[in-house]
N, C-alpha and C. Protein backbone atom coordinates (compact mmCIF):
# COMPACT_ATOMS: atom_id res chain seq x y z
N MET A 1 -13.00 -2.49 51.63
CA MET A 1 -14.15 -1.83 51.06
C MET A 1 -15.24 -1.70 52.12
N ILE A 2 -15.89 -0.56 52.10
CA ILE A 2 -17.04 -0.32 52.97
C ILE A 2 -18.20 0.08 52.07
N GLU A 3 -19.36 -0.49 52.34
CA GLU A 3 -20.53 -0.15 51.54
C GLU A 3 -21.76 -0.11 52.42
N ASN A 4 -22.58 0.91 52.19
CA ASN A 4 -23.88 0.97 52.82
C ASN A 4 -24.89 1.35 51.74
N GLN A 5 -26.10 1.67 52.12
CA GLN A 5 -27.12 1.95 51.11
C GLN A 5 -26.89 3.26 50.37
N TYR A 6 -25.94 4.08 50.85
CA TYR A 6 -25.71 5.39 50.28
C TYR A 6 -24.43 5.51 49.45
N ILE A 7 -23.41 4.74 49.83
CA ILE A 7 -22.09 4.92 49.23
C ILE A 7 -21.30 3.62 49.28
N LYS A 8 -20.44 3.46 48.29
CA LYS A 8 -19.47 2.36 48.26
C LYS A 8 -18.09 3.01 48.26
N ILE A 9 -17.22 2.57 49.18
CA ILE A 9 -15.91 3.20 49.35
C ILE A 9 -14.82 2.12 49.33
N TRP A 10 -13.75 2.40 48.61
CA TRP A 10 -12.60 1.50 48.58
C TRP A 10 -11.34 2.31 48.29
N THR A 11 -10.21 1.70 48.58
CA THR A 11 -8.91 2.32 48.34
C THR A 11 -8.17 1.51 47.29
N GLU A 12 -7.57 2.22 46.37
CA GLU A 12 -6.81 1.58 45.30
C GLU A 12 -5.65 2.48 44.93
N ASP A 13 -4.43 1.94 44.95
CA ASP A 13 -3.24 2.69 44.56
C ASP A 13 -3.12 4.02 45.31
N ASP A 14 -3.33 3.98 46.64
CA ASP A 14 -3.20 5.14 47.53
C ASP A 14 -4.19 6.27 47.23
N ILE A 15 -5.30 5.93 46.59
CA ILE A 15 -6.40 6.88 46.37
C ILE A 15 -7.67 6.23 46.90
N MET A 16 -8.48 7.01 47.62
CA MET A 16 -9.76 6.50 48.10
C MET A 16 -10.84 6.87 47.11
N PHE A 17 -11.68 5.89 46.78
CA PHE A 17 -12.78 6.08 45.84
C PHE A 17 -14.10 6.02 46.59
N GLY A 18 -15.04 6.84 46.18
CA GLY A 18 -16.39 6.79 46.73
C GLY A 18 -17.39 6.88 45.61
N TYR A 19 -18.26 5.87 45.52
CA TYR A 19 -19.32 5.86 44.52
C TYR A 19 -20.63 6.17 45.23
N TYR A 20 -21.20 7.32 44.94
CA TYR A 20 -22.44 7.75 45.58
C TYR A 20 -23.60 7.01 44.92
N LYS A 21 -24.40 6.30 45.73
CA LYS A 21 -25.43 5.41 45.21
C LYS A 21 -26.85 6.02 45.23
N VAL A 22 -26.97 7.26 45.62
CA VAL A 22 -28.28 7.90 45.76
C VAL A 22 -28.37 9.13 44.86
N ASP A 23 -29.60 9.57 44.61
CA ASP A 23 -29.76 10.77 43.79
C ASP A 23 -30.11 12.01 44.62
N GLU A 24 -30.45 11.80 45.90
CA GLU A 24 -30.73 12.92 46.79
C GLU A 24 -29.89 12.78 48.06
N VAL A 25 -29.22 13.86 48.43
CA VAL A 25 -28.37 13.84 49.61
C VAL A 25 -28.82 14.95 50.56
N ASP A 26 -29.29 14.53 51.73
CA ASP A 26 -29.60 15.48 52.80
C ASP A 26 -28.56 15.29 53.90
N LEU A 27 -28.71 16.00 55.00
CA LEU A 27 -27.71 15.94 56.07
C LEU A 27 -27.57 14.53 56.63
N GLU A 28 -28.67 13.82 56.82
CA GLU A 28 -28.58 12.46 57.36
C GLU A 28 -27.80 11.54 56.44
N VAL A 29 -28.09 11.60 55.14
CA VAL A 29 -27.37 10.78 54.16
C VAL A 29 -25.90 11.19 54.13
N ALA A 30 -25.64 12.49 54.12
CA ALA A 30 -24.25 12.97 54.10
C ALA A 30 -23.49 12.44 55.31
N ASN A 31 -24.10 12.47 56.48
CA ASN A 31 -23.43 11.98 57.68
C ASN A 31 -23.12 10.49 57.59
N HIS A 32 -24.01 9.69 57.01
CA HIS A 32 -23.73 8.26 56.80
C HIS A 32 -22.55 8.08 55.85
N MET A 33 -22.52 8.89 54.80
CA MET A 33 -21.41 8.80 53.83
C MET A 33 -20.09 9.21 54.48
N ILE A 34 -20.11 10.29 55.22
CA ILE A 34 -18.90 10.79 55.88
C ILE A 34 -18.38 9.77 56.89
N THR A 35 -19.27 9.21 57.69
CA THR A 35 -18.87 8.21 58.69
C THR A 35 -18.22 7.01 58.02
N ALA A 36 -18.80 6.55 56.93
CA ALA A 36 -18.24 5.40 56.21
C ALA A 36 -16.86 5.73 55.65
N ARG A 37 -16.70 6.93 55.09
CA ARG A 37 -15.40 7.30 54.51
C ARG A 37 -14.33 7.42 55.58
N VAL A 38 -14.65 8.07 56.69
CA VAL A 38 -13.67 8.22 57.77
C VAL A 38 -13.28 6.85 58.31
N GLU A 39 -14.26 5.97 58.46
CA GLU A 39 -13.96 4.60 58.91
C GLU A 39 -13.05 3.88 57.93
N ALA A 40 -13.30 4.05 56.63
CA ALA A 40 -12.48 3.39 55.61
C ALA A 40 -11.05 3.91 55.62
N CYS A 41 -10.87 5.17 56.02
CA CYS A 41 -9.51 5.76 56.06
C CYS A 41 -8.64 5.11 57.13
N ASP A 42 -9.26 4.62 58.19
CA ASP A 42 -8.54 3.96 59.28
C ASP A 42 -7.37 4.82 59.78
N GLY A 43 -7.62 6.12 59.91
CA GLY A 43 -6.61 7.02 60.46
C GLY A 43 -5.60 7.56 59.46
N LYS A 44 -5.64 7.08 58.21
CA LYS A 44 -4.71 7.55 57.19
C LYS A 44 -5.37 8.63 56.35
N THR A 45 -4.55 9.43 55.68
CA THR A 45 -5.03 10.51 54.84
C THR A 45 -4.84 10.12 53.38
N TYR A 46 -5.87 10.36 52.58
CA TYR A 46 -5.87 9.99 51.16
C TYR A 46 -6.43 11.12 50.30
N PRO A 47 -6.00 11.19 49.05
CA PRO A 47 -6.78 11.95 48.08
C PRO A 47 -8.06 11.14 47.80
N PHE A 48 -9.17 11.84 47.54
CA PHE A 48 -10.47 11.18 47.41
C PHE A 48 -11.09 11.50 46.06
N LEU A 49 -11.54 10.45 45.38
CA LEU A 49 -12.28 10.60 44.13
C LEU A 49 -13.72 10.20 44.40
N GLY A 50 -14.63 11.16 44.31
CA GLY A 50 -16.04 10.89 44.52
C GLY A 50 -16.80 10.92 43.21
N ASP A 51 -17.41 9.79 42.86
CA ASP A 51 -18.26 9.73 41.67
C ASP A 51 -19.66 10.16 42.10
N VAL A 52 -20.01 11.39 41.78
CA VAL A 52 -21.29 11.97 42.19
C VAL A 52 -22.26 12.05 41.01
N SER A 53 -22.01 11.26 39.99
CA SER A 53 -22.82 11.36 38.77
C SER A 53 -24.29 10.99 38.99
N SER A 54 -24.60 10.25 40.04
CA SER A 54 -25.99 9.88 40.30
C SER A 54 -26.74 10.94 41.11
N VAL A 55 -26.02 11.89 41.72
CA VAL A 55 -26.64 12.87 42.61
C VAL A 55 -27.34 13.96 41.79
N LYS A 56 -28.62 14.18 42.12
CA LYS A 56 -29.39 15.22 41.45
C LYS A 56 -29.67 16.41 42.37
N THR A 57 -29.80 16.14 43.69
CA THR A 57 -30.03 17.23 44.64
C THR A 57 -29.21 16.99 45.90
N ILE A 58 -28.79 18.10 46.50
CA ILE A 58 -28.05 18.04 47.76
C ILE A 58 -28.45 19.27 48.58
N THR A 59 -28.77 19.06 49.84
CA THR A 59 -29.22 20.17 50.67
C THR A 59 -28.04 21.03 51.12
N LYS A 60 -28.37 22.24 51.55
CA LYS A 60 -27.35 23.16 52.05
C LYS A 60 -26.60 22.56 53.24
N ASP A 61 -27.34 21.93 54.16
CA ASP A 61 -26.71 21.31 55.33
C ASP A 61 -25.75 20.20 54.92
N ALA A 62 -26.13 19.42 53.92
CA ALA A 62 -25.26 18.34 53.44
C ALA A 62 -24.00 18.92 52.80
N ARG A 63 -24.16 19.97 52.00
CA ARG A 63 -22.98 20.62 51.38
C ARG A 63 -22.02 21.11 52.45
N SER A 64 -22.57 21.73 53.49
CA SER A 64 -21.72 22.23 54.58
C SER A 64 -21.01 21.08 55.29
N ALA A 65 -21.71 19.98 55.51
CA ALA A 65 -21.11 18.82 56.19
C ALA A 65 -19.94 18.26 55.39
N PHE A 66 -20.08 18.22 54.07
CA PHE A 66 -19.00 17.69 53.22
C PHE A 66 -17.80 18.63 53.15
N ALA A 67 -17.99 19.91 53.42
CA ALA A 67 -16.93 20.90 53.20
C ALA A 67 -16.04 21.18 54.40
N GLU A 68 -16.40 20.66 55.57
CA GLU A 68 -15.61 21.00 56.77
C GLU A 68 -15.64 19.86 57.78
N GLY A 69 -14.87 19.99 58.83
CA GLY A 69 -14.87 19.02 59.92
C GLY A 69 -14.63 17.60 59.45
N ASP A 70 -15.47 16.67 59.90
CA ASP A 70 -15.32 15.28 59.49
C ASP A 70 -15.52 15.09 57.99
N GLY A 71 -16.21 16.02 57.36
CA GLY A 71 -16.44 15.94 55.91
C GLY A 71 -15.16 15.95 55.10
N ILE A 72 -14.10 16.55 55.65
CA ILE A 72 -12.80 16.58 54.96
C ILE A 72 -11.71 15.87 55.76
N LYS A 73 -12.09 15.29 56.89
CA LYS A 73 -11.11 14.58 57.72
C LYS A 73 -10.46 13.46 56.92
N ASN A 74 -9.16 13.33 57.04
CA ASN A 74 -8.37 12.30 56.38
C ASN A 74 -8.39 12.41 54.85
N MET A 75 -8.64 13.61 54.33
CA MET A 75 -8.55 13.86 52.88
C MET A 75 -7.57 15.00 52.67
N ASN A 76 -6.69 14.85 51.69
CA ASN A 76 -5.80 15.96 51.37
C ASN A 76 -6.16 16.61 50.04
N ALA A 77 -7.09 16.02 49.30
CA ALA A 77 -7.62 16.59 48.06
C ALA A 77 -8.88 15.82 47.70
N CYS A 78 -9.75 16.47 46.93
CA CYS A 78 -11.01 15.84 46.55
C CYS A 78 -11.32 16.15 45.09
N ALA A 79 -11.51 15.10 44.30
CA ALA A 79 -11.93 15.23 42.91
C ALA A 79 -13.34 14.67 42.81
N LEU A 80 -14.25 15.45 42.25
CA LEU A 80 -15.63 15.01 42.08
C LEU A 80 -15.89 14.78 40.60
N VAL A 81 -16.30 13.56 40.26
CA VAL A 81 -16.60 13.23 38.88
C VAL A 81 -18.10 13.41 38.67
N VAL A 82 -18.44 14.32 37.76
CA VAL A 82 -19.83 14.62 37.45
C VAL A 82 -20.18 14.01 36.11
N GLY A 83 -21.44 13.66 35.93
CA GLY A 83 -21.82 12.95 34.72
C GLY A 83 -22.79 13.70 33.82
N SER A 84 -23.25 14.87 34.25
CA SER A 84 -24.25 15.57 33.46
C SER A 84 -24.16 17.06 33.73
N PRO A 85 -24.83 17.86 32.90
CA PRO A 85 -24.87 19.30 33.17
C PRO A 85 -25.47 19.62 34.55
N VAL A 86 -26.46 18.83 34.99
CA VAL A 86 -27.05 19.04 36.31
C VAL A 86 -26.01 18.80 37.39
N ASN A 87 -25.24 17.71 37.26
CA ASN A 87 -24.18 17.43 38.23
C ASN A 87 -23.13 18.54 38.23
N ARG A 88 -22.77 19.02 37.06
CA ARG A 88 -21.77 20.09 36.98
C ARG A 88 -22.29 21.34 37.67
N LEU A 89 -23.55 21.66 37.46
CA LEU A 89 -24.15 22.82 38.10
C LEU A 89 -24.13 22.66 39.62
N LEU A 90 -24.53 21.48 40.11
CA LEU A 90 -24.50 21.22 41.55
C LEU A 90 -23.08 21.31 42.09
N GLY A 91 -22.15 20.71 41.37
CA GLY A 91 -20.76 20.72 41.82
C GLY A 91 -20.18 22.12 41.87
N ASN A 92 -20.43 22.91 40.83
CA ASN A 92 -19.93 24.29 40.83
C ASN A 92 -20.56 25.10 41.94
N PHE A 93 -21.84 24.86 42.20
CA PHE A 93 -22.52 25.56 43.28
C PHE A 93 -21.88 25.18 44.62
N PHE A 94 -21.63 23.87 44.82
CA PHE A 94 -20.98 23.40 46.04
C PHE A 94 -19.63 24.09 46.24
N LEU A 95 -18.83 24.14 45.19
CA LEU A 95 -17.49 24.73 45.31
C LEU A 95 -17.55 26.23 45.57
N SER A 96 -18.49 26.92 44.94
CA SER A 96 -18.55 28.38 45.10
C SER A 96 -19.16 28.80 46.43
N VAL A 97 -20.10 28.01 46.95
CA VAL A 97 -20.78 28.39 48.19
C VAL A 97 -20.11 27.79 49.43
N SER A 98 -19.81 26.51 49.37
CA SER A 98 -19.28 25.82 50.56
C SER A 98 -17.79 26.02 50.76
N LYS A 99 -17.06 26.27 49.69
CA LYS A 99 -15.63 26.56 49.74
C LYS A 99 -14.84 25.57 50.62
N PRO A 100 -14.70 24.33 50.17
CA PRO A 100 -13.92 23.36 50.95
C PRO A 100 -12.50 23.88 51.21
N THR A 101 -11.94 23.51 52.35
CA THR A 101 -10.61 24.01 52.72
C THR A 101 -9.48 23.12 52.23
N ILE A 102 -9.81 22.08 51.48
CA ILE A 102 -8.79 21.26 50.82
C ILE A 102 -8.95 21.47 49.31
N PRO A 103 -7.89 21.22 48.53
CA PRO A 103 -8.03 21.36 47.08
C PRO A 103 -9.16 20.45 46.58
N THR A 104 -10.11 21.03 45.85
CA THR A 104 -11.28 20.31 45.35
C THR A 104 -11.57 20.77 43.94
N ARG A 105 -11.75 19.80 43.03
CA ARG A 105 -12.03 20.12 41.63
C ARG A 105 -13.08 19.19 41.07
N LEU A 106 -13.76 19.67 40.02
CA LEU A 106 -14.74 18.87 39.28
C LEU A 106 -14.11 18.33 38.01
N PHE A 107 -14.53 17.12 37.64
CA PHE A 107 -14.04 16.49 36.42
C PHE A 107 -15.19 15.78 35.73
N THR A 108 -15.09 15.67 34.41
CA THR A 108 -16.08 14.90 33.67
C THR A 108 -15.57 13.50 33.36
N SER A 109 -14.29 13.26 33.59
CA SER A 109 -13.75 11.91 33.37
C SER A 109 -12.95 11.45 34.58
N GLN A 110 -13.08 10.18 34.89
CA GLN A 110 -12.34 9.61 36.01
C GLN A 110 -10.84 9.65 35.74
N GLU A 111 -10.44 9.46 34.50
CA GLU A 111 -9.01 9.46 34.15
C GLU A 111 -8.38 10.81 34.46
N ASP A 112 -9.07 11.90 34.09
CA ASP A 112 -8.55 13.23 34.38
C ASP A 112 -8.48 13.48 35.89
N ALA A 113 -9.52 13.03 36.59
CA ALA A 113 -9.55 13.20 38.05
C ALA A 113 -8.39 12.45 38.70
N LEU A 114 -8.13 11.23 38.25
CA LEU A 114 -7.03 10.44 38.80
C LEU A 114 -5.68 11.08 38.51
N GLY A 115 -5.53 11.66 37.33
CA GLY A 115 -4.29 12.35 37.00
C GLY A 115 -4.02 13.50 37.96
N TRP A 116 -5.06 14.29 38.24
CA TRP A 116 -4.91 15.40 39.18
C TRP A 116 -4.65 14.89 40.59
N LEU A 117 -5.40 13.88 41.03
CA LEU A 117 -5.24 13.37 42.39
C LEU A 117 -3.88 12.71 42.61
N SER A 118 -3.29 12.18 41.55
CA SER A 118 -2.00 11.50 41.70
C SER A 118 -0.93 12.44 42.24
N THR A 119 -1.09 13.75 42.04
CA THR A 119 -0.11 14.69 42.57
C THR A 119 -0.21 14.83 44.09
N PHE A 120 -1.30 14.32 44.67
CA PHE A 120 -1.48 14.39 46.12
C PHE A 120 -1.20 13.05 46.81
N LYS A 121 -0.93 12.00 46.05
CA LYS A 121 -0.69 10.70 46.64
C LYS A 121 0.52 10.72 47.55
N LYS A 122 0.38 10.10 48.69
CA LYS A 122 1.44 9.94 49.70
C LYS A 122 1.95 11.24 50.25
N GLU A 123 1.39 12.39 49.79
CA GLU A 123 1.83 13.68 50.30
C GLU A 123 1.63 13.74 51.82
N ASN A 124 0.46 13.32 52.26
CA ASN A 124 0.16 13.34 53.69
C ASN A 124 -0.33 11.99 54.20
N VAL A 125 -0.12 10.95 53.43
CA VAL A 125 -0.57 9.63 53.87
C VAL A 125 0.29 9.18 55.04
N ASP A 126 -0.36 8.80 56.10
CA ASP A 126 0.37 8.38 57.32
C ASP A 126 0.88 6.97 57.18
């Protein structure tokens, strides 16, 4: 497990989990989150479940950082769990504007997200 003031990350059953601990994400915060996730991967590729239910705002630069380069490094799929209409709006905006190059979906329940991510388990895990 890796944890900093912005995110808590752990791996369980070949899926990486990330719990976002902040309500505002700018480029600096996004970079701290991305660095922690890449470090937690330790060179392996995982499907990623991000609980973004606490996030209320995210900058354009942060959205771009999450959608490409190190933002998707060592991920073969991404499920984002949203907790409110505001989160859903932010998530849909992220998906429509940033267009991540890995399969990415929004979910309102962790169980549904895990069901979808399970199809990506071990697909590209090194």
